[in-house]
Amino acid sequence: MVLPAIGFVVGLLLHEVIPGCRCDAGGGCHGCGAIGGLIEFLMFGGFVGALVALIFILPSSLVLAGLIKFFGRNASE
C-alpha cells in the first residue's frame, strides 16, 4: 500500500520541478520531456493503486489478521 503512494508523491514532485510540465487525468502529461509517460504512470497509476489498496486490500488484511488471531488463540487453549 505504501509503494503506490510513494510513486504518486514522486510523480507529483517531478511534475512540480519540471518547468512547463502539465498533467491531467484526461489528457495525460505534456511538456515533461522524455519522462512524461513515467510521470503520468507514477501520478495516475500510483494514485489509483493506492486507492484500491486502501479500499480493498487494507480492510481484507485486517479482517484476515483478526481471524487468525481469534482462531489461533482458541486452538492453543
Protein backbone atom coordinates (compact mmCIF):
# COMPACT_ATOMS: atom_id res chain seq x y z
CA MET A 1 0.00 0.00 0.00
CA VAL A 2 2.92 2.32 0.63
CA LEU A 3 4.63 1.81 -2.75
CA PRO A 4 1.82 3.27 -4.91
CA ALA A 5 1.57 6.24 -2.55
CA ILE A 6 5.33 6.83 -2.82
CA GLY A 7 5.06 6.60 -6.62
CA PHE A 8 2.31 9.22 -6.59
CA VAL A 9 4.39 11.58 -4.46
CA VAL A 10 7.49 11.14 -6.68
CA GLY A 11 5.41 11.80 -9.81
CA LEU A 12 3.88 14.87 -8.20
CA LEU A 13 7.31 16.21 -7.22
CA LEU A 14 8.69 15.64 -10.74
CA HIS A 15 5.62 17.38 -12.19
CA GLU A 16 6.25 20.41 -10.00
CA VAL A 17 10.02 20.57 -10.62
CA ILE A 18 9.99 20.33 -14.43
CA PRO A 19 9.05 23.72 -15.93
CA GLY A 20 6.19 23.64 -18.43
CA CYS A 21 5.02 20.17 -17.38
CA ARG A 22 1.22 19.94 -17.27
CA CYS A 23 -0.65 16.80 -16.23
CA ASP A 24 -4.34 15.99 -16.07
CA ALA A 25 -6.28 12.74 -15.82
CA GLY A 26 -7.95 13.10 -19.22
CA GLY A 27 -5.06 14.16 -21.41
CA GLY A 28 -2.02 12.78 -19.60
CA CYS A 29 1.22 14.72 -19.17
CA HIS A 30 2.54 17.18 -21.75
CA GLY A 31 5.70 19.27 -21.83
CA CYS A 32 7.57 16.99 -19.42
CA GLY A 33 10.17 15.78 -21.91
CA ALA A 34 11.17 12.15 -22.37
CA ILE A 35 9.89 11.09 -18.94
CA GLY A 36 6.31 12.32 -19.47
CA GLY A 37 5.00 8.76 -19.68
CA LEU A 38 6.79 7.81 -16.47
CA ILE A 39 5.40 10.82 -14.62
CA GLU A 40 1.92 10.02 -15.94
CA PHE A 41 2.20 6.42 -14.73
CA LEU A 42 3.53 7.45 -11.31
CA MET A 43 0.88 10.09 -10.73
CA PHE A 44 -2.22 8.39 -12.05
CA GLY A 45 -1.24 4.72 -11.74
CA GLY A 46 0.13 5.29 -8.25
CA PHE A 47 -2.94 7.19 -7.13
CA VAL A 48 -5.35 4.56 -8.40
CA GLY A 49 -3.23 1.77 -6.94
CA ALA A 50 -3.13 3.45 -3.54
CA LEU A 51 -6.90 3.97 -3.57
CA VAL A 52 -7.57 0.33 -4.46
CA ALA A 53 -5.17 -0.81 -1.75
CA LEU A 54 -6.80 1.47 0.81
CA ILE A 55 -10.35 0.43 -0.08
CA PHE A 56 -9.90 -3.32 -0.61
CA ILE A 57 -6.53 -4.73 0.45
CA LEU A 58 -6.11 -3.00 3.82
CA PRO A 59 -9.55 -3.96 5.21
CA SER A 60 -9.19 -7.51 3.88
CA SER A 61 -5.80 -7.94 5.52
CA LEU A 62 -7.11 -6.54 8.82
CA VAL A 63 -10.04 -8.98 8.81
CA LEU A 64 -7.71 -11.86 7.96
CA ALA A 65 -5.31 -10.89 10.76
CA GLY A 66 -8.21 -10.72 13.22
CA LEU A 67 -9.46 -14.16 12.17
CA ILE A 68 -6.00 -15.66 12.52
CA LYS A 69 -5.58 -14.13 15.97
CA PHE A 70 -9.03 -15.28 17.10
CA PHE A 71 -8.73 -18.85 15.85
CA GLY A 72 -5.08 -19.11 16.85
CA ARG A 73 -5.92 -18.17 20.42
CA ASN A 74 -8.79 -20.72 20.58
CA ALA A 75 -6.62 -23.53 19.21
CA SER A 76 -3.93 -23.02 21.86
CA GLU A 77 -6.39 -23.26 24.79
